[in-house]
Each structure stands twice: as structure tokens, then as C-alpha cells.
Amino acid sequence: MIELSLVNQEHFAHVRIIIGMVLGISVARLVVGVSEFLQHPERKKIYVVHLGWVLFIFLAIIHFWWYEFGLVKVRIWSFGLYLFLISYACLFAFISSMLFPSSMTDYNGFKDYFQSRRRTFYTMFALLAVIDLIDTAMKGAQHFEDLGIEYPIQQGIFIALALIALVVHNRTYQIAFVVAALLYKICWIYRLYWVLT
């Protein structure tokens, strides 16, 4: 039993390092992107919807990195599980890269860019919620149940609001969505994940 536990710890450490590398790239992309607003305030104009989603994704990445400590409870590691987790982390990297593209020459600022790419962003956001449900289920039925009925309802609402945002170009709706999502995420983390047990 002790030997199996040590092997599981080694597997978890390996997976944690790889996930950390991918998430580190994601965080770096967001931090560098936001720092450009400070470096070039005249050239890089802030668009509130875009910046709100940057903050949300930053918080979601940090949250993901934090609660993945729950993977220490996984007794048997498979390549499928490993691939799933790396793909989940890569989705954050794709979203971060999409929020701050390598070139903005074809767009008139972040408002123009975000609105032209909003369908891609909201599709990826909905996919993130679906994958989060799968990730939570993989931690075991008990873990899923411990989060209560609020968790699947929360994810369902995120998916529904993202699908609405695919077709609704309205700025007020998008601002309300990102503000509500940010506030809810902060409350959720504080209530459930402030201290790991």
C-alpha cells in the first residue's frame, strides 16, 4: 500500500509539472497582454468586455491550478486521463492566446478584434464549462456531489449564456455577462476553495 501511494504521488507530481508549464504560458500571455495597456496607453485602447474576460480567464486559470490539487486522490493514472488534463490546460492557453493575438494589424483596437472573434471566444468558453463538468466527475462521484446541485446549474447557466452571446452582439448584454461571471466566480472560489482540505 505504501509503495502504491508513493507511485501515485510520483505520477501526480509529473502531471502537475506539465499542467503547470502549460498554465504558466497562459498566465504569461495574459500578464504580458495587460502590461501592454500600461506600456502603450495611446496605442492599446482598453475595451471593457475584452478586459473583463481577460480578468475572468486569469482567475479561472488560477482557480484551475489551485483545485487540481484534488488530483492527488486519483489512485490509478491512465494515458487518457493524462491527455484529458493536458488538453484542458491547453484550452486555457488557446483562450489566452486568442484574447491577446500576436498581431492586431487587421483590427481597429480590441473592441473591433473581440467583437469579430466573439463567436470563437464564447464557443471556447462554453467548451471550458463542459470540460470542467467532466473534470469534476473524474475526481469521483463523491467529489461531484460535495459541490451540490449549484455546481451543475452554474455550469449549465454559463453554457447557456455563452451560447446566447454567440448571436447577441449587444454590448450591454456582454458587459452584464462578464461582470456577473466574474462576481460569481469570485464568490464561488471564496465559498468553496479558499482553503484546500
C-alpha atoms as a PDB file:
ATOM      1  CA  MET A   1       0.000   0.000   0.000  1.00  0.00           C
ATOM      2  CA  ILE A   2       2.841   2.391   0.869  1.00  0.00           C
ATOM      3  CA  GLU A   3       4.600   1.591  -2.420  1.00  0.00           C
ATOM      4  CA  LEU A   4       1.398   2.203  -4.442  1.00  0.00           C
ATOM      5  CA  SER A   5       0.856   5.503  -2.637  1.00  0.00           C
ATOM      6  CA  LEU A   6       4.398   6.641  -3.452  1.00  0.00           C
ATOM      7  CA  VAL A   7       3.961   5.716  -7.116  1.00  0.00           C
ATOM      8  CA  ASN A   8       0.671   7.649  -7.253  1.00  0.00           C
ATOM      9  CA  GLN A   9       2.422  10.672  -5.749  1.00  0.00           C
ATOM     10  CA  GLU A  10       5.152  10.470  -8.402  1.00  0.00           C
ATOM     11  CA  HIS A  11       2.554  10.274 -11.184  1.00  0.00           C
ATOM     12  CA  PHE A  12       0.655  13.225  -9.725  1.00  0.00           C
ATOM     13  CA  ALA A  13       3.868  15.263  -9.443  1.00  0.00           C
ATOM     14  CA  HIS A  14       4.681  14.556 -13.080  1.00  0.00           C
ATOM     15  CA  VAL A  15       1.213  15.552 -14.287  1.00  0.00           C
ATOM     16  CA  ARG A  16       1.233  18.646 -12.059  1.00  0.00           C
ATOM     17  CA  ILE A  17       4.524  19.829 -13.581  1.00  0.00           C
ATOM     18  CA  ILE A  18       3.235  19.503 -17.153  1.00  0.00           C
ATOM     19  CA  ILE A  19      -0.059  21.225 -16.296  1.00  0.00           C
ATOM     20  CA  GLY A  20       1.911  23.969 -14.525  1.00  0.00           C
ATOM     21  CA  MET A  21       4.041  24.581 -17.606  1.00  0.00           C
ATOM     22  CA  VAL A  22       1.016  24.964 -19.891  1.00  0.00           C
ATOM     23  CA  LEU A  23      -0.859  27.160 -17.420  1.00  0.00           C
ATOM     24  CA  GLY A  24       2.288  29.234 -16.871  1.00  0.00           C
ATOM     25  CA  ILE A  25       2.304  30.035 -20.597  1.00  0.00           C
ATOM     26  CA  SER A  26      -1.367  31.046 -20.348  1.00  0.00           C
ATOM     27  CA  VAL A  27      -0.808  33.359 -17.378  1.00  0.00           C
ATOM     28  CA  ALA A  28       2.267  34.869 -19.026  1.00  0.00           C
ATOM     29  CA  ARG A  29       0.278  35.649 -22.171  1.00  0.00           C
ATOM     30  CA  LEU A  30      -2.405  37.441 -20.148  1.00  0.00           C
ATOM     31  CA  VAL A  31       0.065  39.351 -17.970  1.00  0.00           C
ATOM     32  CA  VAL A  32       2.131  40.498 -20.964  1.00  0.00           C
ATOM     33  CA  GLY A  33      -1.055  41.482 -22.820  1.00  0.00           C
ATOM     34  CA  VAL A  34      -2.356  43.573 -19.918  1.00  0.00           C
ATOM     35  CA  SER A  35       1.068  45.152 -19.363  1.00  0.00           C
ATOM     36  CA  GLU A  36       0.924  46.492 -22.926  1.00  0.00           C
ATOM     37  CA  PHE A  37      -2.048  48.637 -21.907  1.00  0.00           C
ATOM     38  CA  LEU A  38       0.288  50.290 -19.408  1.00  0.00           C
ATOM     39  CA  GLN A  39       3.202  50.500 -21.837  1.00  0.00           C
ATOM     40  CA  HIS A  40       1.212  51.931 -24.758  1.00  0.00           C
ATOM     41  CA  PRO A  41      -1.967  53.556 -23.400  1.00  0.00           C
ATOM     42  CA  GLU A  42      -2.485  55.614 -26.563  1.00  0.00           C
ATOM     43  CA  ARG A  43      -1.978  52.735 -28.985  1.00  0.00           C
ATOM     44  CA  LYS A  44      -3.641  49.973 -26.923  1.00  0.00           C
ATOM     45  CA  LYS A  45      -7.145  51.090 -26.020  1.00  0.00           C
ATOM     46  CA  ILE A  46      -8.962  49.084 -23.353  1.00  0.00           C
ATOM     47  CA  TYR A  47     -12.306  47.557 -24.302  1.00  0.00           C
ATOM     48  CA  VAL A  48     -14.238  46.770 -21.134  1.00  0.00           C
ATOM     49  CA  VAL A  49     -15.789  43.490 -22.356  1.00  0.00           C
ATOM     50  CA  HIS A  50     -12.407  42.196 -23.532  1.00  0.00           C
ATOM     51  CA  LEU A  51     -10.652  43.248 -20.315  1.00  0.00           C
ATOM     52  CA  GLY A  52     -13.421  41.687 -18.216  1.00  0.00           C
ATOM     53  CA  TRP A  53     -12.907  38.337 -19.943  1.00  0.00           C
ATOM     54  CA  VAL A  54      -9.142  38.671 -19.540  1.00  0.00           C
ATOM     55  CA  LEU A  55      -9.685  39.027 -15.772  1.00  0.00           C
ATOM     56  CA  PHE A  56     -12.166  36.135 -15.726  1.00  0.00           C
ATOM     57  CA  ILE A  57      -9.832  33.789 -17.634  1.00  0.00           C
ATOM     58  CA  PHE A  58      -6.895  34.790 -15.414  1.00  0.00           C
ATOM     59  CA  LEU A  59      -8.977  33.953 -12.334  1.00  0.00           C
ATOM     60  CA  ALA A  60     -10.218  30.711 -13.936  1.00  0.00           C
ATOM     61  CA  ILE A  61      -6.635  29.619 -14.677  1.00  0.00           C
ATOM     62  CA  ILE A  62      -5.508  30.332 -11.122  1.00  0.00           C
ATOM     63  CA  HIS A  63      -8.602  28.544  -9.811  1.00  0.00           C
ATOM     64  CA  PHE A  64      -7.976  25.527 -12.059  1.00  0.00           C
ATOM     65  CA  TRP A  65      -4.351  25.349 -10.936  1.00  0.00           C
ATOM     66  CA  TRP A  66      -5.464  25.529  -7.320  1.00  0.00           C
ATOM     67  CA  TYR A  67      -8.227  22.927  -7.308  1.00  0.00           C
ATOM     68  CA  GLU A  68      -6.291  20.429  -9.409  1.00  0.00           C
ATOM     69  CA  PHE A  69      -4.570  19.528  -6.140  1.00  0.00           C
ATOM     70  CA  GLY A  70      -7.641  17.291  -5.831  1.00  0.00           C
ATOM     71  CA  LEU A  71      -5.984  15.007  -8.363  1.00  0.00           C
ATOM     72  CA  VAL A  72      -3.759  13.735  -5.565  1.00  0.00           C
ATOM     73  CA  LYS A  73      -6.724  11.477  -4.714  1.00  0.00           C
ATOM     74  CA  VAL A  74      -6.558   9.730  -8.092  1.00  0.00           C
ATOM     75  CA  ARG A  75      -5.378   6.174  -7.423  1.00  0.00           C
ATOM     76  CA  ILE A  76      -4.802   4.952 -10.972  1.00  0.00           C
ATOM     77  CA  TRP A  77      -3.432   7.148 -13.721  1.00  0.00           C
ATOM     78  CA  SER A  78      -4.114   6.369 -17.372  1.00  0.00           C
ATOM     79  CA  PHE A  79      -2.843   7.983 -20.534  1.00  0.00           C
ATOM     80  CA  GLY A  80      -6.435   9.012 -21.325  1.00  0.00           C
ATOM     81  CA  LEU A  81      -6.744  10.924 -18.053  1.00  0.00           C
ATOM     82  CA  TYR A  82      -3.321  12.487 -18.580  1.00  0.00           C
ATOM     83  CA  LEU A  83      -4.243  13.547 -22.148  1.00  0.00           C
ATOM     84  CA  PHE A  84      -7.578  14.960 -20.983  1.00  0.00           C
ATOM     85  CA  LEU A  85      -5.921  17.129 -18.300  1.00  0.00           C
ATOM     86  CA  ILE A  86      -3.234  18.400 -20.655  1.00  0.00           C
ATOM     87  CA  SER A  87      -5.915  19.218 -23.239  1.00  0.00           C
ATOM     88  CA  TYR A  88      -7.917  21.061 -20.568  1.00  0.00           C
ATOM     89  CA  ALA A  89      -4.852  23.135 -19.677  1.00  0.00           C
ATOM     90  CA  CYS A  90      -4.165  23.748 -23.383  1.00  0.00           C
ATOM     91  CA  LEU A  91      -7.676  25.152 -23.814  1.00  0.00           C
ATOM     92  CA  PHE A  92      -6.720  27.894 -21.353  1.00  0.00           C
ATOM     93  CA  ALA A  93      -3.595  28.565 -23.429  1.00  0.00           C
ATOM     94  CA  PHE A  94      -5.683  28.811 -26.617  1.00  0.00           C
ATOM     95  CA  ILE A  95      -8.146  31.209 -24.990  1.00  0.00           C
ATOM     96  CA  SER A  96      -5.345  33.356 -23.549  1.00  0.00           C
ATOM     97  CA  SER A  97      -3.670  33.485 -26.940  1.00  0.00           C
ATOM     98  CA  MET A  98      -6.956  34.410 -28.565  1.00  0.00           C
ATOM     99  CA  LEU A  99      -7.539  37.249 -26.097  1.00  0.00           C
ATOM    100  CA  PHE A 100      -4.109  38.676 -26.915  1.00  0.00           C
ATOM    101  CA  PRO A 101      -3.270  37.756 -30.514  1.00  0.00           C
ATOM    102  CA  SER A 102       0.259  38.015 -31.845  1.00  0.00           C
ATOM    103  CA  SER A 103      -0.864  40.651 -34.364  1.00  0.00           C
ATOM    104  CA  MET A 104      -3.618  43.260 -34.340  1.00  0.00           C
ATOM    105  CA  THR A 105      -2.808  44.833 -37.720  1.00  0.00           C
ATOM    106  CA  ASP A 106      -6.141  43.785 -39.263  1.00  0.00           C
ATOM    107  CA  TYR A 107      -8.224  45.335 -36.470  1.00  0.00           C
ATOM    108  CA  ASN A 108      -9.015  48.793 -35.115  1.00  0.00           C
ATOM    109  CA  GLY A 109      -8.281  48.010 -31.480  1.00  0.00           C
ATOM    110  CA  PHE A 110      -9.525  45.403 -29.033  1.00  0.00           C
ATOM    111  CA  LYS A 111     -13.201  46.296 -29.413  1.00  0.00           C
ATOM    112  CA  ASP A 112     -13.096  45.544 -33.128  1.00  0.00           C
ATOM    113  CA  TYR A 113     -10.950  42.460 -32.566  1.00  0.00           C
ATOM    114  CA  PHE A 114     -13.040  40.970 -29.745  1.00  0.00           C
ATOM    115  CA  GLN A 115     -16.358  41.529 -31.496  1.00  0.00           C
ATOM    116  CA  SER A 116     -15.056  39.967 -34.696  1.00  0.00           C
ATOM    117  CA  ARG A 117     -13.793  36.928 -32.744  1.00  0.00           C
ATOM    118  CA  ARG A 118     -16.563  36.785 -30.123  1.00  0.00           C
ATOM    119  CA  ARG A 119     -18.156  33.615 -31.538  1.00  0.00           C
ATOM    120  CA  THR A 120     -14.865  31.773 -31.245  1.00  0.00           C
ATOM    121  CA  PHE A 121     -14.346  33.100 -27.712  1.00  0.00           C
ATOM    122  CA  TYR A 122     -17.833  32.215 -26.461  1.00  0.00           C
ATOM    123  CA  THR A 123     -17.659  28.768 -28.074  1.00  0.00           C
ATOM    124  CA  MET A 124     -14.384  28.132 -26.238  1.00  0.00           C
ATOM    125  CA  PHE A 125     -15.926  29.494 -23.028  1.00  0.00           C
ATOM    126  CA  ALA A 126     -18.864  27.069 -23.319  1.00  0.00           C
ATOM    127  CA  LEU A 127     -16.425  24.233 -24.054  1.00  0.00           C
ATOM    128  CA  LEU A 128     -14.481  25.189 -20.915  1.00  0.00           C
ATOM    129  CA  ALA A 129     -17.654  24.754 -18.826  1.00  0.00           C
ATOM    130  CA  VAL A 130     -18.386  21.350 -20.393  1.00  0.00           C
ATOM    131  CA  ILE A 131     -14.825  20.151 -19.805  1.00  0.00           C
ATOM    132  CA  ASP A 132     -14.974  21.402 -16.223  1.00  0.00           C
ATOM    133  CA  LEU A 133     -18.020  19.190 -15.636  1.00  0.00           C
ATOM    134  CA  ILE A 134     -16.092  16.185 -16.985  1.00  0.00           C
ATOM    135  CA  ASP A 135     -13.015  17.065 -14.925  1.00  0.00           C
ATOM    136  CA  THR A 136     -15.111  17.307 -11.763  1.00  0.00           C
ATOM    137  CA  ALA A 137     -16.814  13.979 -12.473  1.00  0.00           C
ATOM    138  CA  MET A 138     -13.404  12.337 -12.966  1.00  0.00           C
ATOM    139  CA  LYS A 139     -12.494  13.248  -9.395  1.00  0.00           C
ATOM    140  CA  GLY A 140     -15.237  10.874  -8.260  1.00  0.00           C
ATOM    141  CA  ALA A 141     -18.975  10.834  -7.625  1.00  0.00           C
ATOM    142  CA  GLN A 142     -18.471  11.934  -4.034  1.00  0.00           C
ATOM    143  CA  HIS A 143     -16.476  14.996  -5.104  1.00  0.00           C
ATOM    144  CA  PHE A 144     -19.181  15.923  -7.624  1.00  0.00           C
ATOM    145  CA  GLU A 145     -21.921  15.506  -5.000  1.00  0.00           C
ATOM    146  CA  ASP A 146     -19.954  17.528  -2.438  1.00  0.00           C
ATOM    147  CA  LEU A 147     -20.254  20.563  -4.712  1.00  0.00           C
ATOM    148  CA  GLY A 148     -24.037  20.330  -4.509  1.00  0.00           C
ATOM    149  CA  ILE A 149     -26.717  20.975  -7.091  1.00  0.00           C
ATOM    150  CA  GLU A 150     -25.439  24.542  -7.518  1.00  0.00           C
ATOM    151  CA  TYR A 151     -22.389  23.343  -9.447  1.00  0.00           C
ATOM    152  CA  PRO A 152     -24.096  21.687 -12.461  1.00  0.00           C
ATOM    153  CA  ILE A 153     -26.672  24.507 -12.535  1.00  0.00           C
ATOM    154  CA  GLN A 154     -23.843  27.063 -12.555  1.00  0.00           C
ATOM    155  CA  GLN A 155     -22.102  25.319 -15.445  1.00  0.00           C
ATOM    156  CA  GLY A 156     -25.375  24.971 -17.347  1.00  0.00           C
ATOM    157  CA  ILE A 157     -26.069  28.688 -16.968  1.00  0.00           C
ATOM    158  CA  PHE A 158     -22.528  29.567 -18.119  1.00  0.00           C
ATOM    159  CA  ILE A 159     -23.023  27.395 -21.209  1.00  0.00           C
ATOM    160  CA  ALA A 160     -26.467  28.906 -21.957  1.00  0.00           C
ATOM    161  CA  LEU A 161     -25.227  32.496 -21.534  1.00  0.00           C
ATOM    162  CA  ALA A 162     -22.236  31.797 -23.771  1.00  0.00           C
ATOM    163  CA  LEU A 163     -24.487  30.333 -26.471  1.00  0.00           C
ATOM    164  CA  ILE A 164     -26.701  33.431 -26.276  1.00  0.00           C
ATOM    165  CA  ALA A 165     -23.591  35.617 -26.586  1.00  0.00           C
ATOM    166  CA  LEU A 166     -22.763  33.830 -29.855  1.00  0.00           C
ATOM    167  CA  VAL A 167     -25.710  35.554 -31.503  1.00  0.00           C
ATOM    168  CA  VAL A 168     -26.259  38.642 -29.331  1.00  0.00           C
ATOM    169  CA  HIS A 169     -23.935  41.445 -30.356  1.00  0.00           C
ATOM    170  CA  ASN A 170     -25.393  43.790 -27.724  1.00  0.00           C
ATOM    171  CA  ARG A 171     -22.635  45.441 -25.654  1.00  0.00           C
ATOM    172  CA  THR A 172     -24.861  45.762 -22.560  1.00  0.00           C
ATOM    173  CA  TYR A 173     -25.555  42.020 -22.559  1.00  0.00           C
ATOM    174  CA  GLN A 174     -21.873  41.206 -22.917  1.00  0.00           C
ATOM    175  CA  ILE A 175     -20.872  43.585 -20.108  1.00  0.00           C
ATOM    176  CA  ALA A 176     -23.594  42.187 -17.828  1.00  0.00           C
ATOM    177  CA  PHE A 177     -22.460  38.632 -18.660  1.00  0.00           C
ATOM    178  CA  VAL A 178     -18.782  39.202 -17.901  1.00  0.00           C
ATOM    179  CA  VAL A 179     -19.460  41.207 -14.716  1.00  0.00           C
ATOM    180  CA  ALA A 180     -21.902  38.565 -13.412  1.00  0.00           C
ATOM    181  CA  ALA A 181     -19.497  35.746 -14.328  1.00  0.00           C
ATOM    182  CA  LEU A 182     -16.572  37.464 -12.592  1.00  0.00           C
ATOM    183  CA  LEU A 183     -18.507  38.238  -9.413  1.00  0.00           C
ATOM    184  CA  TYR A 184     -19.949  34.732  -9.266  1.00  0.00           C
ATOM    185  CA  LYS A 185     -16.531  33.136  -9.833  1.00  0.00           C
ATOM    186  CA  ILE A 186     -15.004  35.181  -7.012  1.00  0.00           C
ATOM    187  CA  CYS A 187     -17.838  34.207  -4.633  1.00  0.00           C
ATOM    188  CA  TRP A 188     -17.617  30.532  -5.682  1.00  0.00           C
ATOM    189  CA  ILE A 189     -13.875  30.378  -5.048  1.00  0.00           C
ATOM    190  CA  TYR A 190     -14.248  32.124  -1.702  1.00  0.00           C
ATOM    191  CA  ARG A 191     -17.061  29.832  -0.544  1.00  0.00           C
ATOM    192  CA  LEU A 192     -15.677  26.502  -1.715  1.00  0.00           C
ATOM    193  CA  TYR A 193     -11.972  26.718  -2.471  1.00  0.00           C
ATOM    194  CA  TRP A 194     -10.454  29.367  -0.210  1.00  0.00           C
ATOM    195  CA  VAL A 195      -8.777  26.659   1.855  1.00  0.00           C
ATOM    196  CA  LEU A 196      -7.963  23.243   0.388  1.00  0.00           C
ATOM    197  CA  THR A 197      -8.866  20.266   2.561  1.00  0.00           C
END
